[in-house]
Amino acid sequence: MLLQTTKVLVLNASYEPLSICDARNAVLLLFCGKAMMVASHPEHRIRTVTESYPLPSIVRLTVFVQVEYRSTALSRKNLFRRDGFRCQYCGGKEAELTLDHVIPKSRGGEESWENLVTACKPCNSKKGNRTPAEADMTLLKKPSRPSHITLMRQHYLPVSDEWKPYLFMS
């Protein structure tokens, strides 16, 4: 069970973060010679009948993988992650968040990273079919397209201290 619940940071051969996988897949990468261990969990080990191995926390691929530039997919889940599951008007962490168009669709507002924010139902109703300035409301931060590293950091919180340098958090 520990192999399926423990998360491992996967780095490219150049030490840039690629993804996060479960420990089982990381162990397979290690034993197939496709990755090297960069850091391990000091308190956990993988035991076989005759051997004991450290459980990986960070692995680095042995061969550089050319990754095509992928823009982060605009999805409801990724918008909530970008905004930290908080209303971007009042900062509340409501159970039921909605998506709000900063520039309303009826006024030509697009479905884009720069025009969509998370909002609680009361703030979304208060804003209505107006811009934030017209509704006398301010956004906590200007919406923008996040990088895949930003979403990785926000999805797997809290991040272990050994991951922070690779995710540009230290």
C-alpha atoms as a PDB file:
ATOM      1  CA  MET A   1       0.000   0.000   0.000  1.00  0.00           C
ATOM      2  CA  LEU A   2       2.893   2.373   0.775  1.00  0.00           C
ATOM      3  CA  LEU A   3       4.148   2.037  -2.815  1.00  0.00           C
ATOM      4  CA  GLN A   4       0.830   3.247  -4.217  1.00  0.00           C
ATOM      5  CA  THR A   5       0.211   6.139  -1.826  1.00  0.00           C
ATOM      6  CA  THR A   6       3.705   7.629  -1.573  1.00  0.00           C
ATOM      7  CA  LYS A   7       4.419  10.255  -4.228  1.00  0.00           C
ATOM      8  CA  VAL A   8       7.783  10.651  -5.972  1.00  0.00           C
ATOM      9  CA  LEU A   9       9.041  13.674  -7.891  1.00  0.00           C
ATOM     10  CA  VAL A  10      10.377  12.700 -11.332  1.00  0.00           C
ATOM     11  CA  LEU A  11      13.114  14.920 -12.769  1.00  0.00           C
ATOM     12  CA  ASN A  12      14.448  14.991 -16.298  1.00  0.00           C
ATOM     13  CA  ALA A  13      18.162  14.231 -16.802  1.00  0.00           C
ATOM     14  CA  SER A  14      18.660  18.019 -16.646  1.00  0.00           C
ATOM     15  CA  TYR A  15      17.077  18.107 -13.143  1.00  0.00           C
ATOM     16  CA  GLU A  16      13.957  19.964 -14.297  1.00  0.00           C
ATOM     17  CA  PRO A  17      10.691  18.612 -12.841  1.00  0.00           C
ATOM     18  CA  LEU A  18       8.666  16.459 -15.244  1.00  0.00           C
ATOM     19  CA  SER A  19       5.937  14.872 -13.172  1.00  0.00           C
ATOM     20  CA  ILE A  20       4.916  13.216  -9.955  1.00  0.00           C
ATOM     21  CA  CYS A  21       4.256   9.502  -9.842  1.00  0.00           C
ATOM     22  CA  ASP A  22       3.614   6.895  -7.177  1.00  0.00           C
ATOM     23  CA  ALA A  23       6.531   5.085  -5.553  1.00  0.00           C
ATOM     24  CA  ARG A  24       5.719   1.840  -7.371  1.00  0.00           C
ATOM     25  CA  ASN A  25       6.372   3.419 -10.774  1.00  0.00           C
ATOM     26  CA  ALA A  26       9.500   5.137  -9.449  1.00  0.00           C
ATOM     27  CA  VAL A  27      10.869   1.813  -8.172  1.00  0.00           C
ATOM     28  CA  LEU A  28      10.221   0.270 -11.589  1.00  0.00           C
ATOM     29  CA  LEU A  29      12.151   3.118 -13.232  1.00  0.00           C
ATOM     30  CA  LEU A  30      15.037   2.530 -10.820  1.00  0.00           C
ATOM     31  CA  PHE A  31      15.208  -1.248 -11.244  1.00  0.00           C
ATOM     32  CA  CYS A  32      14.949  -0.981 -15.053  1.00  0.00           C
ATOM     33  CA  GLY A  33      17.893   1.416 -15.064  1.00  0.00           C
ATOM     34  CA  LYS A  34      15.850   4.274 -16.488  1.00  0.00           C
ATOM     35  CA  ALA A  35      16.292   6.505 -13.437  1.00  0.00           C
ATOM     36  CA  MET A  36      18.653   7.202 -10.559  1.00  0.00           C
ATOM     37  CA  MET A  37      17.633   8.021  -7.009  1.00  0.00           C
ATOM     38  CA  VAL A  38      18.279  11.622  -5.983  1.00  0.00           C
ATOM     39  CA  ALA A  39      16.643  11.482  -2.538  1.00  0.00           C
ATOM     40  CA  SER A  40      14.894   8.874  -0.447  1.00  0.00           C
ATOM     41  CA  HIS A  41      12.436   8.768   2.432  1.00  0.00           C
ATOM     42  CA  PRO A  42      14.638   8.207   5.497  1.00  0.00           C
ATOM     43  CA  GLU A  43      11.903   6.482   7.488  1.00  0.00           C
ATOM     44  CA  HIS A  44      10.652   4.065   4.814  1.00  0.00           C
ATOM     45  CA  ARG A  45      12.296   1.132   3.097  1.00  0.00           C
ATOM     46  CA  ILE A  46      11.265  -1.486   0.563  1.00  0.00           C
ATOM     47  CA  ARG A  47      12.049  -4.966   1.823  1.00  0.00           C
ATOM     48  CA  THR A  48      12.421  -8.189  -0.088  1.00  0.00           C
ATOM     49  CA  VAL A  49      13.283 -11.586   1.364  1.00  0.00           C
ATOM     50  CA  THR A  50      17.022 -10.885   1.216  1.00  0.00           C
ATOM     51  CA  GLU A  51      17.442  -7.139   0.586  1.00  0.00           C
ATOM     52  CA  SER A  52      16.299  -3.755   1.845  1.00  0.00           C
ATOM     53  CA  TYR A  53      16.146  -0.688  -0.407  1.00  0.00           C
ATOM     54  CA  PRO A  54      15.403   2.967   0.387  1.00  0.00           C
ATOM     55  CA  LEU A  55      12.003   4.218  -0.754  1.00  0.00           C
ATOM     56  CA  PRO A  56      12.581   6.961  -3.357  1.00  0.00           C
ATOM     57  CA  SER A  57      11.362  10.505  -2.854  1.00  0.00           C
ATOM     58  CA  ILE A  58      13.011  12.059  -5.937  1.00  0.00           C
ATOM     59  CA  VAL A  59      14.273  10.225  -9.024  1.00  0.00           C
ATOM     60  CA  ARG A  60      16.114  11.578 -12.061  1.00  0.00           C
ATOM     61  CA  LEU A  61      15.830  10.006 -15.495  1.00  0.00           C
ATOM     62  CA  THR A  62      19.149   8.762 -16.877  1.00  0.00           C
ATOM     63  CA  VAL A  63      18.327   9.880 -20.435  1.00  0.00           C
ATOM     64  CA  PHE A  64      17.105  13.378 -21.283  1.00  0.00           C
ATOM     65  CA  VAL A  65      13.486  13.331 -22.438  1.00  0.00           C
ATOM     66  CA  GLN A  66      12.578  16.041 -24.933  1.00  0.00           C
ATOM     67  CA  VAL A  67       9.256  17.397 -23.751  1.00  0.00           C
ATOM     68  CA  GLU A  68       7.124  19.337 -26.185  1.00  0.00           C
ATOM     69  CA  TYR A  69       5.943  22.627 -24.842  1.00  0.00           C
ATOM     70  CA  ARG A  70       2.464  21.921 -23.614  1.00  0.00           C
ATOM     71  CA  SER A  71       0.306  24.723 -22.552  1.00  0.00           C
ATOM     72  CA  THR A  72      -1.515  23.905 -19.375  1.00  0.00           C
ATOM     73  CA  ALA A  73      -5.011  22.676 -20.186  1.00  0.00           C
ATOM     74  CA  LEU A  74      -7.775  25.099 -19.295  1.00  0.00           C
ATOM     75  CA  SER A  75     -10.084  23.046 -17.112  1.00  0.00           C
ATOM     76  CA  ARG A  76     -12.270  23.604 -14.088  1.00  0.00           C
ATOM     77  CA  LYS A  77      -9.931  21.536 -11.905  1.00  0.00           C
ATOM     78  CA  ASN A  78      -6.837  23.433 -13.052  1.00  0.00           C
ATOM     79  CA  LEU A  79      -8.556  26.799 -12.482  1.00  0.00           C
ATOM     80  CA  PHE A  80      -9.411  25.771  -8.915  1.00  0.00           C
ATOM     81  CA  ARG A  81      -5.793  24.648  -8.394  1.00  0.00           C
ATOM     82  CA  ARG A  82      -4.390  27.881  -9.820  1.00  0.00           C
ATOM     83  CA  ASP A  83      -6.581  29.953  -7.501  1.00  0.00           C
ATOM     84  CA  GLY A  84      -5.840  27.778  -4.472  1.00  0.00           C
ATOM     85  CA  PHE A  85      -9.486  26.725  -4.080  1.00  0.00           C
ATOM     86  CA  ARG A  86     -10.297  30.253  -2.848  1.00  0.00           C
ATOM     87  CA  CYS A  87     -12.749  32.901  -3.955  1.00  0.00           C
ATOM     88  CA  GLN A  88     -10.723  35.501  -5.845  1.00  0.00           C
ATOM     89  CA  TYR A  89     -12.930  38.322  -4.566  1.00  0.00           C
ATOM     90  CA  CYS A  90     -13.315  37.688  -0.830  1.00  0.00           C
ATOM     91  CA  GLY A  91     -10.621  35.037  -0.267  1.00  0.00           C
ATOM     92  CA  GLY A  92     -13.094  32.590   1.286  1.00  0.00           C
ATOM     93  CA  LYS A  93     -12.658  28.839   1.043  1.00  0.00           C
ATOM     94  CA  GLU A  94     -16.283  27.966   0.352  1.00  0.00           C
ATOM     95  CA  ALA A  95     -17.230  24.348  -0.209  1.00  0.00           C
ATOM     96  CA  GLU A  96     -19.073  25.349  -3.385  1.00  0.00           C
ATOM     97  CA  LEU A  97     -16.951  27.519  -5.631  1.00  0.00           C
ATOM     98  CA  THR A  98     -18.063  28.611  -9.075  1.00  0.00           C
ATOM     99  CA  LEU A  99     -16.233  30.005 -12.064  1.00  0.00           C
ATOM    100  CA  ASP A 100     -16.651  33.681 -12.889  1.00  0.00           C
ATOM    101  CA  HIS A 101     -15.853  35.524 -16.105  1.00  0.00           C
ATOM    102  CA  VAL A 102     -13.995  38.716 -15.164  1.00  0.00           C
ATOM    103  CA  ILE A 103     -15.294  40.305 -18.368  1.00  0.00           C
ATOM    104  CA  PRO A 104     -18.793  38.801 -18.723  1.00  0.00           C
ATOM    105  CA  LYS A 105     -19.430  36.570 -21.730  1.00  0.00           C
ATOM    106  CA  SER A 106     -22.269  38.872 -22.788  1.00  0.00           C
ATOM    107  CA  ARG A 107     -19.660  41.633 -23.212  1.00  0.00           C
ATOM    108  CA  GLY A 108     -17.261  39.553 -25.260  1.00  0.00           C
ATOM    109  CA  GLY A 109     -15.397  37.891 -22.382  1.00  0.00           C
ATOM    110  CA  GLU A 110     -13.566  34.743 -23.447  1.00  0.00           C
ATOM    111  CA  GLU A 111     -13.061  31.346 -21.878  1.00  0.00           C
ATOM    112  CA  SER A 112      -9.387  31.901 -21.084  1.00  0.00           C
ATOM    113  CA  TRP A 113      -6.917  31.730 -18.211  1.00  0.00           C
ATOM    114  CA  GLU A 114      -6.856  35.534 -18.108  1.00  0.00           C
ATOM    115  CA  ASN A 115     -10.653  35.912 -17.911  1.00  0.00           C
ATOM    116  CA  LEU A 116     -11.758  33.088 -15.592  1.00  0.00           C
ATOM    117  CA  VAL A 117     -11.442  33.065 -11.793  1.00  0.00           C
ATOM    118  CA  THR A 118     -12.939  31.056  -8.956  1.00  0.00           C
ATOM    119  CA  ALA A 119     -15.627  32.774  -6.914  1.00  0.00           C
ATOM    120  CA  CYS A 120     -17.955  31.812  -4.109  1.00  0.00           C
ATOM    121  CA  LYS A 121     -21.641  31.917  -4.927  1.00  0.00           C
ATOM    122  CA  PRO A 122     -22.377  35.125  -2.943  1.00  0.00           C
ATOM    123  CA  CYS A 123     -19.539  37.034  -4.671  1.00  0.00           C
ATOM    124  CA  ASN A 124     -20.473  35.673  -8.081  1.00  0.00           C
ATOM    125  CA  SER A 125     -24.088  36.772  -7.535  1.00  0.00           C
ATOM    126  CA  LYS A 126     -23.006  40.189  -6.248  1.00  0.00           C
ATOM    127  CA  LYS A 127     -20.816  40.763  -9.307  1.00  0.00           C
ATOM    128  CA  GLY A 128     -23.484  39.525 -11.681  1.00  0.00           C
ATOM    129  CA  ASN A 129     -23.171  40.627 -15.307  1.00  0.00           C
ATOM    130  CA  ARG A 130     -20.719  43.446 -14.522  1.00  0.00           C
ATOM    131  CA  THR A 131     -16.978  43.894 -14.482  1.00  0.00           C
ATOM    132  CA  PRO A 132     -15.263  43.873 -11.066  1.00  0.00           C
ATOM    133  CA  ALA A 133     -14.803  47.664 -11.256  1.00  0.00           C
ATOM    134  CA  GLU A 134     -18.511  48.220 -11.981  1.00  0.00           C
ATOM    135  CA  ALA A 135     -19.438  45.949  -9.068  1.00  0.00           C
ATOM    136  CA  ASP A 136     -16.904  47.743  -6.810  1.00  0.00           C
ATOM    137  CA  MET A 137     -15.037  44.472  -6.245  1.00  0.00           C
ATOM    138  CA  THR A 138     -11.326  43.795  -6.572  1.00  0.00           C
ATOM    139  CA  LEU A 139      -9.550  40.584  -7.510  1.00  0.00           C
ATOM    140  CA  LEU A 140      -7.023  39.195  -5.039  1.00  0.00           C
ATOM    141  CA  LYS A 141      -4.606  38.586  -7.927  1.00  0.00           C
ATOM    142  CA  LYS A 142      -4.634  39.100 -11.667  1.00  0.00           C
ATOM    143  CA  PRO A 143      -5.560  35.836 -13.412  1.00  0.00           C
ATOM    144  CA  SER A 144      -2.904  34.344 -15.712  1.00  0.00           C
ATOM    145  CA  ARG A 145      -1.906  31.036 -17.290  1.00  0.00           C
ATOM    146  CA  PRO A 146       0.019  28.910 -14.747  1.00  0.00           C
ATOM    147  CA  SER A 147       2.975  26.723 -15.614  1.00  0.00           C
ATOM    148  CA  HIS A 148       2.770  22.964 -15.073  1.00  0.00           C
ATOM    149  CA  ILE A 149       5.251  23.394 -12.196  1.00  0.00           C
ATOM    150  CA  THR A 150       2.910  25.851 -10.459  1.00  0.00           C
ATOM    151  CA  LEU A 151       0.017  23.406 -10.683  1.00  0.00           C
ATOM    152  CA  MET A 152       2.275  20.577  -9.496  1.00  0.00           C
ATOM    153  CA  ARG A 153       3.250  22.593  -6.413  1.00  0.00           C
ATOM    154  CA  GLN A 154      -0.327  23.495  -5.577  1.00  0.00           C
ATOM    155  CA  HIS A 155      -1.791  20.042  -6.140  1.00  0.00           C
ATOM    156  CA  TYR A 156       0.652  18.140  -3.945  1.00  0.00           C
ATOM    157  CA  LEU A 157       0.696  20.333  -0.853  1.00  0.00           C
ATOM    158  CA  PRO A 158       2.338  20.126   1.561  1.00  0.00           C
ATOM    159  CA  VAL A 159       5.539  19.640  -0.448  1.00  0.00           C
ATOM    160  CA  SER A 160       8.439  17.911   1.279  1.00  0.00           C
ATOM    161  CA  ASP A 161      11.504  20.060   1.953  1.00  0.00           C
ATOM    162  CA  GLU A 162      13.668  17.996  -0.393  1.00  0.00           C
ATOM    163  CA  TRP A 163      11.315  18.725  -3.338  1.00  0.00           C
ATOM    164  CA  LYS A 164      11.331  22.511  -2.840  1.00  0.00           C
ATOM    165  CA  PRO A 165      14.589  23.338  -4.674  1.00  0.00           C
ATOM    166  CA  TYR A 166      13.408  21.452  -7.751  1.00  0.00           C
ATOM    167  CA  LEU A 167       9.980  23.109  -7.720  1.00  0.00           C
ATOM    168  CA  PHE A 168      11.534  26.574  -7.248  1.00  0.00           C
ATOM    169  CA  MET A 169      10.085  26.983  -3.765  1.00  0.00           C
ATOM    170  CA  SER A 170      13.174  27.518  -1.618  1.00  0.00           C
END
